[in-house]
Protein backbone atom coordinates (compact mmCIF):
# COMPACT_ATOMS: atom_id res chain seq x y z
CA MET A 1 -27.06 -13.05 -23.39
CA LYS A 2 -27.40 -11.26 -20.06
CA LYS A 3 -27.32 -14.58 -18.19
CA ILE A 4 -24.13 -15.59 -20.00
CA PHE A 5 -22.49 -12.28 -19.07
CA LEU A 6 -23.46 -12.68 -15.42
CA PHE A 7 -22.15 -16.24 -15.43
CA PHE A 8 -18.69 -15.20 -16.66
CA ALA A 9 -18.67 -12.17 -14.36
CA LEU A 10 -19.26 -14.50 -11.41
CA ILE A 11 -16.42 -16.77 -12.50
CA ILE A 12 -14.00 -13.83 -12.79
CA SER A 13 -15.12 -12.42 -9.46
CA CYS A 14 -14.62 -15.72 -7.66
CA SER A 15 -11.20 -16.13 -9.28
CA VAL A 16 -10.01 -12.69 -8.15
CA PHE A 17 -11.26 -12.96 -4.58
CA GLY A 18 -9.99 -16.52 -4.30
CA GLN A 19 -6.41 -15.65 -5.20
CA HIS A 20 -3.74 -16.41 -2.63
CA THR A 21 -0.56 -14.34 -2.59
CA THR A 22 2.75 -15.48 -1.12
CA GLU A 23 5.64 -13.07 -0.49
CA LEU A 24 9.04 -14.53 0.35
CA LYS A 25 11.95 -12.35 1.47
CA LYS A 26 15.48 -13.54 2.15
CA TYR A 27 17.99 -11.79 4.41
CA ALA A 28 21.65 -12.52 5.06
CA ILE A 29 22.56 -12.59 8.74
CA GLU A 30 25.95 -10.98 9.30
CA VAL A 31 28.36 -10.36 12.16
CA ALA A 32 31.25 -7.95 11.56
CA GLY A 33 30.61 -8.19 7.80
CA PHE A 34 30.71 -12.01 7.71
CA LYS A 35 27.65 -14.06 6.81
CA VAL A 36 26.65 -16.41 9.64
CA GLY A 37 23.22 -17.51 8.45
CA GLU A 38 20.02 -16.60 6.62
CA MET A 39 16.53 -15.49 7.55
CA HIS A 40 13.50 -16.31 5.40
CA ALA A 41 10.36 -14.23 5.95
CA THR A 42 7.09 -15.37 4.36
CA LYS A 43 3.70 -13.66 4.18
CA LYS A 44 0.66 -15.52 2.84
CA THR A 45 -2.50 -13.53 2.07
CA LEU A 46 -5.39 -15.98 1.90
CA GLY A 47 -8.37 -13.66 1.41
CA GLU A 48 -11.19 -12.50 3.67
CA GLY A 49 -8.66 -10.77 5.92
CA VAL A 50 -6.67 -13.94 6.70
CA VAL A 51 -2.89 -13.43 6.66
CA LYS A 52 -0.16 -15.80 7.81
CA TYR A 53 3.44 -14.83 8.61
CA HIS A 54 6.35 -17.24 8.98
CA ILE A 55 9.89 -16.25 9.96
CA LYS A 56 12.73 -18.78 10.05
CA SER A 57 16.44 -18.35 10.67
CA ASP A 58 19.49 -20.47 11.37
CA VAL A 59 22.59 -18.83 12.87
CA LYS A 60 26.05 -19.98 13.97
CA VAL A 61 28.22 -17.26 15.50
CA ASN A 62 31.70 -17.59 16.98
CA LEU A 63 31.78 -15.15 19.91
CA LEU A 64 34.66 -14.38 22.22
CA VAL A 65 34.19 -17.28 24.62
CA TYR A 66 31.81 -19.69 22.88
CA THR A 67 30.01 -20.57 19.64
CA LEU A 68 26.36 -19.56 19.57
CA LYS A 69 24.00 -21.76 17.57
CA VAL A 70 20.40 -20.60 17.24
CA LYS A 71 17.46 -21.75 15.14
CA TYR A 72 14.49 -19.40 15.40
CA GLU A 73 11.03 -19.93 13.96
CA VAL A 74 7.81 -17.97 14.43
CA SER A 75 4.38 -18.37 12.88
CA SER A 76 1.55 -15.85 13.24
CA GLN A 77 -1.99 -15.88 11.87
CA PHE A 78 -4.28 -12.85 11.57
CA ASP A 79 -7.88 -12.38 10.56
CA LYS A 80 -9.64 -9.08 9.85
CA ASN A 81 -9.91 -8.35 13.59
CA GLY A 82 -6.24 -8.92 14.48
CA LEU A 83 -3.94 -11.66 15.74
CA VAL A 84 -5.54 -15.09 16.16
CA TYR A 85 -2.55 -17.28 17.06
CA SER A 86 1.23 -17.21 17.16
CA GLU A 87 3.98 -19.63 18.09
CA ALA A 88 7.67 -18.83 18.48
CA LYS A 89 10.31 -21.54 18.90
CA VAL A 90 14.02 -21.27 19.68
CA ASN A 91 16.43 -24.20 19.45
CA SER A 92 19.94 -23.38 20.64
CA ASN A 93 22.95 -24.77 22.44
CA LYS A 94 21.52 -23.05 25.52
CA GLY A 95 18.30 -25.07 25.34
CA ASP A 96 14.93 -25.22 23.60
CA PHE A 97 12.34 -22.52 24.30
CA PHE A 98 8.90 -21.46 23.07
CA THR A 99 6.00 -19.03 23.41
CA THR A 100 2.43 -19.56 22.22
CA THR A 101 -0.27 -16.89 22.09
CA ALA A 102 -3.88 -17.87 21.37
CA LEU A 103 -7.04 -15.75 21.17
CA LYS A 104 -9.77 -17.26 23.36
CA ASN A 105 -13.02 -15.56 24.40
CA GLY A 106 -11.74 -12.08 23.53
CA SER A 107 -8.40 -12.36 25.39
CA TYR A 108 -5.00 -13.83 24.59
CA GLU A 109 -3.74 -16.80 26.56
CA VAL A 110 0.04 -16.98 26.65
CA LYS A 111 2.31 -19.86 27.60
CA SER A 112 6.07 -19.33 27.53
CA LYS A 113 9.29 -21.10 28.43
CA GLN A 114 12.27 -18.79 27.96
CA GLU A 115 15.92 -19.06 28.93
CA LYS A 116 15.52 -17.29 32.27
CA LYS A 117 11.80 -17.66 33.03
CA GLU A 118 8.69 -19.71 32.46
CA PHE A 119 5.17 -18.28 32.75
CA GLU A 120 1.53 -18.16 31.72
CA LYS A 121 -0.48 -14.95 31.44
CA THR A 122 -3.50 -13.29 29.84
CA ILE A 123 -3.35 -10.24 27.55
CA ASN A 124 -6.52 -8.17 27.25
CA SER A 125 -5.18 -5.63 24.71
CA ASP A 126 -5.88 -5.79 20.98
CA ILE A 127 -2.96 -7.07 18.89
CA ASN A 128 -2.89 -5.84 15.29
CA TRP A 129 0.88 -5.81 14.67
CA THR A 130 3.60 -8.31 15.53
CA SER A 131 7.36 -8.38 15.05
CA SER A 132 6.86 -10.55 11.94
CA ARG A 133 4.82 -7.87 10.19
CA LEU A 134 7.75 -5.43 10.39
CA PHE A 135 9.43 -7.43 7.60
CA PHE A 136 6.60 -6.61 5.18
CA ASP A 137 5.03 -3.31 6.24
CA GLU A 138 6.68 -0.06 7.21
CA PRO A 139 5.18 1.09 10.54
CA ILE A 140 4.28 4.57 11.70
CA ASN A 141 5.72 6.34 14.72
CA ASP A 142 4.42 4.86 17.99
CA GLN A 143 2.95 1.86 16.19
CA LYS A 144 2.19 -0.71 18.90
CA PHE A 145 3.52 -4.17 18.12
CA TYR A 146 3.67 -7.53 19.87
CA SER A 147 6.81 -9.64 20.24
CA GLU A 148 5.73 -13.24 19.63
CA TYR A 149 8.64 -14.73 21.60
CA TYR A 150 8.89 -12.35 24.56
CA ALA A 151 5.08 -11.96 24.77
CA LEU A 152 5.40 -8.22 25.33
CA LEU A 153 3.78 -5.16 23.75
CA ASN A 154 5.80 -2.06 22.93
CA ASN A 155 5.86 0.86 20.49
CA VAL A 156 7.99 1.41 17.39
CA LYS A 157 9.82 4.75 17.52
CA LYS A 158 10.64 6.64 14.32
CA ASN A 159 14.07 8.30 14.36
CA LYS A 160 15.06 11.61 12.79
CA ASP A 161 16.94 9.78 10.01
CA GLY A 162 13.77 7.89 9.01
CA THR A 163 14.77 4.58 10.60
CA PHE A 164 12.72 2.85 13.28
CA THR A 165 13.77 1.53 16.68
CA CYS A 166 12.08 -1.28 18.60
CA GLN A 167 13.00 -2.27 22.14
CA ILE A 168 11.89 -5.40 23.97
CA GLU A 169 13.50 -5.86 27.38
CA ASN A 170 17.23 -5.24 26.79
CA ASN A 171 17.04 -5.97 23.06
CA ILE A 172 17.23 -2.92 20.78
CA ASP A 173 16.64 -3.38 17.05
CA LYS A 174 16.91 -0.72 14.34
CA TYR A 175 14.87 -1.18 11.14
CA VAL A 176 15.89 0.54 7.90
CA TYR A 177 13.33 0.91 5.10
CA GLU A 178 13.83 2.12 1.53
CA ASN A 179 10.73 2.82 -0.57
CA LYS A 180 8.60 1.02 2.06
CA LYS A 181 10.81 -2.09 1.82
CA LEU A 182 12.80 -3.39 4.80
CA VAL A 183 16.43 -3.56 3.63
CA ARG A 184 18.38 -3.78 6.87
CA VAL A 185 17.99 -4.64 10.56
CA ILE A 186 20.65 -3.90 13.18
CA LYS A 187 20.26 -5.98 16.33
CA LYS A 188 22.41 -4.46 19.06
CA ASN A 189 24.38 -6.89 21.19
CA PRO A 190 26.81 -6.16 24.06
CA ILE A 191 29.47 -8.34 22.41
CA LYS A 192 28.81 -8.03 18.66
CA ASN A 193 25.98 -6.47 16.69
CA ILE A 194 24.04 -8.79 14.39
CA GLU A 195 22.76 -7.38 11.09
CA LEU A 196 20.15 -8.60 8.65
CA ARG A 197 20.70 -7.49 5.05
CA PHE A 198 18.05 -7.87 2.33
CA ILE A 199 19.01 -10.34 -0.43
CA SER A 200 15.96 -11.02 -2.56
CA GLU A 201 12.19 -11.32 -2.70
CA LYS A 202 9.67 -13.36 -4.66
CA VAL A 203 5.91 -12.90 -5.01
CA THR A 204 3.65 -15.66 -6.31
CA THR A 205 -0.12 -15.99 -6.68
CA ASP A 206 -2.49 -18.88 -7.14
CA SER A 207 -6.24 -19.25 -7.52
CA GLY A 208 -6.68 -20.63 -4.00
CA ILE A 209 -8.83 -23.43 -5.38
C-alpha cells in the first residue's frame, strides 16, 4: 500500500513541477486617442527557473510630415541566475535594425545595428530585469533594468503618484500599474505621444510533457 501511495505521489509531483504556464497580454497602441496598432506581450514559465518573454507590435502612424511604419519584436530568455539571451528586431520604413545580447563565460556579448549607430560591446553587470519584464511584474523604485534594443542599463523611478518612469537615451516612458497589473504606458515623443492601453489577458497551462 505504501509503495502505491509513493507511486501516485511521484506522478502528481512530476505533473505539478512539469507544468508550463503561458501569459498573453494584449495592448492597443494609440496616438491622440486613435488606435494605430497592437502590442502582444507573452511570458512563458517553463519550470526550473526558465522564463521566456516575447513582445511583438505593429504600428502605422501618420505624423506631420510622413507616415511611420514600425514592426518591433523582442525575445528574452532567463534562467534562475538571470538573462541568458535576448534579441530585438525593428523593421521600419527607416530601415531594419537589431540587437542581440548573449551570456558567454560570465559576461554579455552585445551586437547591435541601430538607426544612428552600429557597435559591439561587452557587459559585465548582472541582468535580472529587462524592458519585457515590465509588462508582467511591477518593479520597485530604483529597479535596474536592461533595454534589449538599446543595450543599456538604467533604473526605474517610482513617482509620487505611484507610476513608474523609465528613461533610455532620449526616450521617456511612464508605466501605470493597477493591482500589480500594467494597464497603461505613455511613451513621450516630441511630435506625438504614443500610448499603450491594456485590452485583455489570457493564462493557459499545460503539463509540459
